[in-house]
Amino acid sequence: DLAVDLRYHNRLDSLLLSLSGARA
């Protein structure tokens, strides 16, 4: 339902969160 990733040091952390498939 919710994925939280607050690491901002690498583009791949943001990509992982974008593709996580969570509803939010």
PDB file of all heavy atoms in Angstrom:
ATOM      1  N   ASP A   1       0.827  -1.206   0.000  1.00  0.00           N
ATOM      2  CA  ASP A   1       0.000   0.000   0.000  1.00  0.00           C
ATOM      3  C   ASP A   1       0.864   1.261   0.000  1.00  0.00           C
ATOM      4  O   ASP A   1       0.513   2.261  -0.623  1.00  0.00           O
ATOM      5  CB  ASP A   1      -0.922   0.024   1.231  1.00  0.00           C
ATOM      6  CG  ASP A   1      -1.998  -1.042   1.155  1.00  0.00           C
ATOM      7  OD1 ASP A   1      -2.453  -1.333   0.031  1.00  0.00           O
ATOM      8  OD2 ASP A   1      -2.379  -1.580   2.211  1.00  0.00           O
ATOM      9  N   LEU A   2       1.982   1.215   0.714  1.00  0.00           N
ATOM     10  CA  LEU A   2       2.853   2.394   0.826  1.00  0.00           C
ATOM     11  C   LEU A   2       4.309   1.963   0.827  1.00  0.00           C
ATOM     12  O   LEU A   2       4.682   1.027   1.547  1.00  0.00           O
ATOM     13  CB  LEU A   2       2.546   3.183   2.106  1.00  0.00           C
ATOM     14  CG  LEU A   2       3.480   4.350   2.448  1.00  0.00           C
ATOM     15  CD1 LEU A   2       3.407   5.436   1.376  1.00  0.00           C
ATOM     16  CD2 LEU A   2       3.136   4.926   3.820  1.00  0.00           C
ATOM     17  N   ALA A   3       5.125   2.624   0.030  1.00  0.00           N
ATOM     18  CA  ALA A   3       6.573   2.425   0.032  1.00  0.00           C
ATOM     19  C   ALA A   3       7.239   3.732   0.425  1.00  0.00           C
ATOM     20  O   ALA A   3       6.870   4.802  -0.074  1.00  0.00           O
ATOM     21  CB  ALA A   3       7.059   1.977  -1.348  1.00  0.00           C
ATOM     22  N   VAL A   4       8.194   3.650   1.343  1.00  0.00           N
ATOM     23  CA  VAL A   4       8.919   4.832   1.813  1.00  0.00           C
ATOM     24  C   VAL A   4      10.410   4.580   1.638  1.00  0.00           C
ATOM     25  O   VAL A   4      10.944   3.592   2.145  1.00  0.00           O
ATOM     26  CB  VAL A   4       8.605   5.136   3.298  1.00  0.00           C
ATOM     27  CG1 VAL A   4       9.404   6.349   3.767  1.00  0.00           C
ATOM     28  CG2 VAL A   4       7.111   5.360   3.503  1.00  0.00           C
ATOM     29  N   ASP A   5      11.071   5.462   0.906  1.00  0.00           N
ATOM     30  CA  ASP A   5      12.534   5.412   0.747  1.00  0.00           C
ATOM     31  C   ASP A   5      13.029   6.846   0.817  1.00  0.00           C
ATOM     32  O   ASP A   5      12.785   7.641  -0.097  1.00  0.00           O
ATOM     33  CB  ASP A   5      12.909   4.766  -0.587  1.00  0.00           C
ATOM     34  CG  ASP A   5      14.425   4.537  -0.711  1.00  0.00           C
ATOM     35  OD1 ASP A   5      15.192   5.157   0.066  1.00  0.00           O
ATOM     36  OD2 ASP A   5      14.839   3.743  -1.575  1.00  0.00           O
ATOM     37  N   LEU A   6      13.713   7.184   1.897  1.00  0.00           N
ATOM     38  CA  LEU A   6      14.123   8.565   2.127  1.00  0.00           C
ATOM     39  C   LEU A   6      15.606   8.780   1.850  1.00  0.00           C
ATOM     40  O   LEU A   6      16.189   9.760   2.291  1.00  0.00           O
ATOM     41  CB  LEU A   6      13.793   8.965   3.572  1.00  0.00           C
ATOM     42  CG  LEU A   6      12.303   8.853   3.921  1.00  0.00           C
ATOM     43  CD1 LEU A   6      12.079   9.195   5.378  1.00  0.00           C
ATOM     44  CD2 LEU A   6      11.465   9.733   3.013  1.00  0.00           C
ATOM     45  N   ARG A   7      16.193   7.885   1.072  1.00  0.00           N
ATOM     46  CA  ARG A   7      17.585   8.064   0.667  1.00  0.00           C
ATOM     47  C   ARG A   7      17.617   8.847  -0.647  1.00  0.00           C
ATOM     48  O   ARG A   7      16.977   8.453  -1.615  1.00  0.00           O
ATOM     49  CB  ARG A   7      18.269   6.708   0.506  1.00  0.00           C
ATOM     50  CG  ARG A   7      19.784   6.793   0.410  1.00  0.00           C
ATOM     51  CD  ARG A   7      20.408   5.406   0.439  1.00  0.00           C
ATOM     52  NE  ARG A   7      21.854   5.488   0.540  1.00  0.00           N
ATOM     53  CZ  ARG A   7      22.672   5.575  -0.493  1.00  0.00           C
ATOM     54  NH1 ARG A   7      22.184   5.593  -1.720  1.00  0.00           N
ATOM     55  NH2 ARG A   7      23.983   5.655  -0.314  1.00  0.00           N
ATOM     56  N   TYR A   8      18.371   9.915  -0.679  1.00  0.00           N
ATOM     57  CA  TYR A   8      18.382  10.795  -1.845  1.00  0.00           C
ATOM     58  C   TYR A   8      19.785  10.948  -2.435  1.00  0.00           C
ATOM     59  O   TYR A   8      20.040  11.846  -3.232  1.00  0.00           O
ATOM     60  CB  TYR A   8      17.871  12.198  -1.457  1.00  0.00           C
ATOM     61  CG  TYR A   8      18.566  12.774  -0.246  1.00  0.00           C
ATOM     62  CD1 TYR A   8      19.718  13.537  -0.380  1.00  0.00           C
ATOM     63  CD2 TYR A   8      18.087  12.532   1.026  1.00  0.00           C
ATOM     64  CE1 TYR A   8      20.371  14.043   0.724  1.00  0.00           C
ATOM     65  CE2 TYR A   8      18.730  13.040   2.147  1.00  0.00           C
ATOM     66  CZ  TYR A   8      19.873  13.795   1.987  1.00  0.00           C
ATOM     67  OH  TYR A   8      20.521  14.281   3.097  1.00  0.00           O
ATOM     68  N   HIS A   9      20.703  10.048  -2.076  1.00  0.00           N
ATOM     69  CA  HIS A   9      22.096  10.202  -2.471  1.00  0.00           C
ATOM     70  C   HIS A   9      22.399   9.639  -3.845  1.00  0.00           C
ATOM     71  O   HIS A   9      23.487   9.827  -4.373  1.00  0.00           O
ATOM     72  CB  HIS A   9      22.995   9.517  -1.431  1.00  0.00           C
ATOM     73  CG  HIS A   9      22.652   9.850  -0.012  1.00  0.00           C
ATOM     74  ND1 HIS A   9      21.764   9.099   0.722  1.00  0.00           N
ATOM     75  CD2 HIS A   9      23.033  10.867   0.769  1.00  0.00           C
ATOM     76  CE1 HIS A   9      21.632   9.634   1.919  1.00  0.00           C
ATOM     77  NE2 HIS A   9      22.378  10.701   1.976  1.00  0.00           N
ATOM     78  N   ASN A  10      21.440   8.916  -4.438  1.00  0.00           N
ATOM     79  CA  ASN A  10      21.702   8.269  -5.709  1.00  0.00           C
ATOM     80  C   ASN A  10      20.402   8.214  -6.519  1.00  0.00           C
ATOM     81  O   ASN A  10      19.325   7.968  -5.967  1.00  0.00           O
ATOM     82  CB  ASN A  10      22.247   6.852  -5.470  1.00  0.00           C
ATOM     83  CG  ASN A  10      22.830   6.229  -6.724  1.00  0.00           C
ATOM     84  OD1 ASN A  10      22.112   5.984  -7.683  1.00  0.00           O
ATOM     85  ND2 ASN A  10      24.126   5.971  -6.716  1.00  0.00           N
ATOM     86  N   ARG A  11      20.512   8.425  -7.816  1.00  0.00           N
ATOM     87  CA  ARG A  11      19.331   8.366  -8.682  1.00  0.00           C
ATOM     88  C   ARG A  11      18.614   7.031  -8.600  1.00  0.00           C
ATOM     89  O   ARG A  11      17.397   6.950  -8.752  1.00  0.00           O
ATOM     90  CB  ARG A  11      19.742   8.626 -10.141  1.00  0.00           C
ATOM     91  CG  ARG A  11      20.269  10.020 -10.432  1.00  0.00           C
ATOM     92  CD  ARG A  11      20.668  10.117 -11.891  1.00  0.00           C
ATOM     93  NE  ARG A  11      21.079  11.451 -12.269  1.00  0.00           N
ATOM     94  CZ  ARG A  11      22.329  11.896 -12.186  1.00  0.00           C
ATOM     95  NH1 ARG A  11      23.278  11.098 -11.719  1.00  0.00           N
ATOM     96  NH2 ARG A  11      22.625  13.125 -12.557  1.00  0.00           N
ATOM     97  N   LEU A  12      19.376   5.955  -8.378  1.00  0.00           N
ATOM     98  CA  LEU A  12      18.773   4.630  -8.395  1.00  0.00           C
ATOM     99  C   LEU A  12      17.841   4.410  -7.208  1.00  0.00           C
ATOM    100  O   LEU A  12      16.925   3.590  -7.288  1.00  0.00           O
ATOM    101  CB  LEU A  12      19.867   3.564  -8.431  1.00  0.00           C
ATOM    102  CG  LEU A  12      20.596   3.493  -9.777  1.00  0.00           C
ATOM    103  CD1 LEU A  12      21.835   2.641  -9.667  1.00  0.00           C
ATOM    104  CD2 LEU A  12      19.675   2.947 -10.852  1.00  0.00           C
ATOM    105  N   ASP A  13      18.056   5.108  -6.114  1.00  0.00           N
ATOM    106  CA  ASP A  13      17.108   5.016  -5.005  1.00  0.00           C
ATOM    107  C   ASP A  13      15.757   5.574  -5.427  1.00  0.00           C
ATOM    108  O   ASP A  13      14.707   5.008  -5.109  1.00  0.00           O
ATOM    109  CB  ASP A  13      17.649   5.776  -3.790  1.00  0.00           C
ATOM    110  CG  ASP A  13      18.895   5.129  -3.221  1.00  0.00           C
ATOM    111  OD1 ASP A  13      18.758   4.104  -2.542  1.00  0.00           O
ATOM    112  OD2 ASP A  13      20.002   5.639  -3.466  1.00  0.00           O
ATOM    113  N   SER A  14      15.782   6.702  -6.144  1.00  0.00           N
ATOM    114  CA  SER A  14      14.528   7.276  -6.639  1.00  0.00           C
ATOM    115  C   SER A  14      13.896   6.402  -7.704  1.00  0.00           C
ATOM    116  O   SER A  14      12.666   6.252  -7.761  1.00  0.00           O
ATOM    117  CB  SER A  14      14.796   8.678  -7.208  1.00  0.00           C
ATOM    118  OG  SER A  14      15.216   9.562  -6.192  1.00  0.00           O
ATOM    119  N   LEU A  15      14.733   5.809  -8.560  1.00  0.00           N
ATOM    120  CA  LEU A  15      14.201   4.919  -9.588  1.00  0.00           C
ATOM    121  C   LEU A  15      13.557   3.691  -8.957  1.00  0.00           C
ATOM    122  O   LEU A  15      12.470   3.265  -9.377  1.00  0.00           O
ATOM    123  CB  LEU A  15      15.323   4.503 -10.548  1.00  0.00           C
ATOM    124  CG  LEU A  15      14.909   3.576 -11.697  1.00  0.00           C
ATOM    125  CD1 LEU A  15      13.906   4.262 -12.612  1.00  0.00           C
ATOM    126  CD2 LEU A  15      16.139   3.122 -12.477  1.00  0.00           C
ATOM    127  N   LEU A  16      14.202   3.130  -7.950  1.00  0.00           N
ATOM    128  CA  LEU A  16      13.650   1.970  -7.261  1.00  0.00           C
ATOM    129  C   LEU A  16      12.280   2.293  -6.667  1.00  0.00           C
ATOM    130  O   LEU A  16      11.327   1.513  -6.810  1.00  0.00           O
ATOM    131  CB  LEU A  16      14.611   1.518  -6.158  1.00  0.00           C
ATOM    132  CG  LEU A  16      14.112   0.396  -5.250  1.00  0.00           C
ATOM    133  CD1 LEU A  16      13.904  -0.886  -6.045  1.00  0.00           C
ATOM    134  CD2 LEU A  16      15.114   0.169  -4.106  1.00  0.00           C
ATOM    135  N   LEU A  17      12.174   3.436  -6.029  1.00  0.00           N
ATOM    136  CA  LEU A  17      10.895   3.827  -5.439  1.00  0.00           C
ATOM    137  C   LEU A  17       9.842   4.053  -6.525  1.00  0.00           C
ATOM    138  O   LEU A  17       8.682   3.660  -6.375  1.00  0.00           O
ATOM    139  CB  LEU A  17      11.081   5.091  -4.600  1.00  0.00           C
ATOM    140  CG  LEU A  17       9.893   5.556  -3.771  1.00  0.00           C
ATOM    141  CD1 LEU A  17       9.427   4.465  -2.814  1.00  0.00           C
ATOM    142  CD2 LEU A  17      10.243   6.818  -2.998  1.00  0.00           C
ATOM    143  N   SER A  18      10.250   4.680  -7.635  1.00  0.00           N
ATOM    144  CA  SER A  18       9.311   4.921  -8.735  1.00  0.00           C
ATOM    145  C   SER A  18       8.736   3.632  -9.296  1.00  0.00           C
ATOM    146  O   SER A  18       7.574   3.574  -9.688  1.00  0.00           O
ATOM    147  CB  SER A  18      10.013   5.698  -9.861  1.00  0.00           C
ATOM    148  OG  SER A  18      10.330   7.009  -9.463  1.00  0.00           O
ATOM    149  N   LEU A  19       9.562   2.583  -9.331  1.00  0.00           N
ATOM    150  CA  LEU A  19       9.156   1.317  -9.939  1.00  0.00           C
ATOM    151  C   LEU A  19       8.695   0.283  -8.926  1.00  0.00           C
ATOM    152  O   LEU A  19       8.501  -0.882  -9.277  1.00  0.00           O
ATOM    153  CB  LEU A  19      10.323   0.739 -10.751  1.00  0.00           C
ATOM    154  CG  LEU A  19      10.887   1.626 -11.872  1.00  0.00           C
ATOM    155  CD1 LEU A  19      12.072   0.933 -12.550  1.00  0.00           C
ATOM    156  CD2 LEU A  19       9.803   1.964 -12.886  1.00  0.00           C
ATOM    157  N   SER A  20       8.518   0.683  -7.668  1.00  0.00           N
ATOM    158  CA  SER A  20       8.216  -0.275  -6.601  1.00  0.00           C
ATOM    159  C   SER A  20       6.830  -0.878  -6.713  1.00  0.00           C
ATOM    160  O   SER A  20       6.545  -1.915  -6.105  1.00  0.00           O
ATOM    161  CB  SER A  20       8.358   0.392  -5.235  1.00  0.00           C
ATOM    162  OG  SER A  20       7.394   1.422  -5.077  1.00  0.00           O
ATOM    163  N   GLY A  21       5.927  -0.234  -7.450  1.00  0.00           N
ATOM    164  CA  GLY A  21       4.584  -0.769  -7.622  1.00  0.00           C
ATOM    165  C   GLY A  21       3.656  -0.543  -6.456  1.00  0.00           C
ATOM    166  O   GLY A  21       2.507  -1.017  -6.475  1.00  0.00           O
ATOM    167  N   ALA A  22       4.094   0.160  -5.425  1.00  0.00           N
ATOM    168  CA  ALA A  22       3.218   0.437  -4.287  1.00  0.00           C
ATOM    169  C   ALA A  22       2.133   1.434  -4.695  1.00  0.00           C
ATOM    170  O   ALA A  22       2.334   2.256  -5.595  1.00  0.00           O
ATOM    171  CB  ALA A  22       4.032   0.981  -3.122  1.00  0.00           C
ATOM    172  N   ARG A  23       1.007   1.375  -4.014  1.00  0.00           N
ATOM    173  CA  ARG A  23      -0.092   2.282  -4.346  1.00  0.00           C
ATOM    174  C   ARG A  23       0.295   3.731  -4.072  1.00  0.00           C
ATOM    175  O   ARG A  23      -0.068   4.638  -4.820  1.00  0.00           O
ATOM    176  CB  ARG A  23      -1.328   1.897  -3.536  1.00  0.00           C
ATOM    177  CG  ARG A  23      -2.564   2.715  -3.832  1.00  0.00           C
ATOM    178  CD  ARG A  23      -3.779   2.102  -3.172  1.00  0.00           C
ATOM    179  NE  ARG A  23      -3.574   1.920  -1.744  1.00  0.00           N
ATOM    180  CZ  ARG A  23      -3.725   2.897  -0.836  1.00  0.00           C
ATOM    181  NH1 ARG A  23      -4.052   4.118  -1.224  1.00  0.00           N
ATOM    182  NH2 ARG A  23      -3.530   2.656   0.436  1.00  0.00           N
ATOM    183  N   ALA A  24       1.050   3.971  -2.993  1.00  0.00           N
ATOM    184  CA  ALA A  24       1.585   5.298  -2.693  1.00  0.00           C
ATOM    185  C   ALA A  24       3.079   5.163  -2.456  1.00  0.00           C
ATOM    186  O   ALA A  24       3.543   4.171  -1.869  1.00  0.00           O
ATOM    187  CB  ALA A  24       0.902   5.899  -1.463  1.00  0.00           C
TER     188      ALA A  24
END
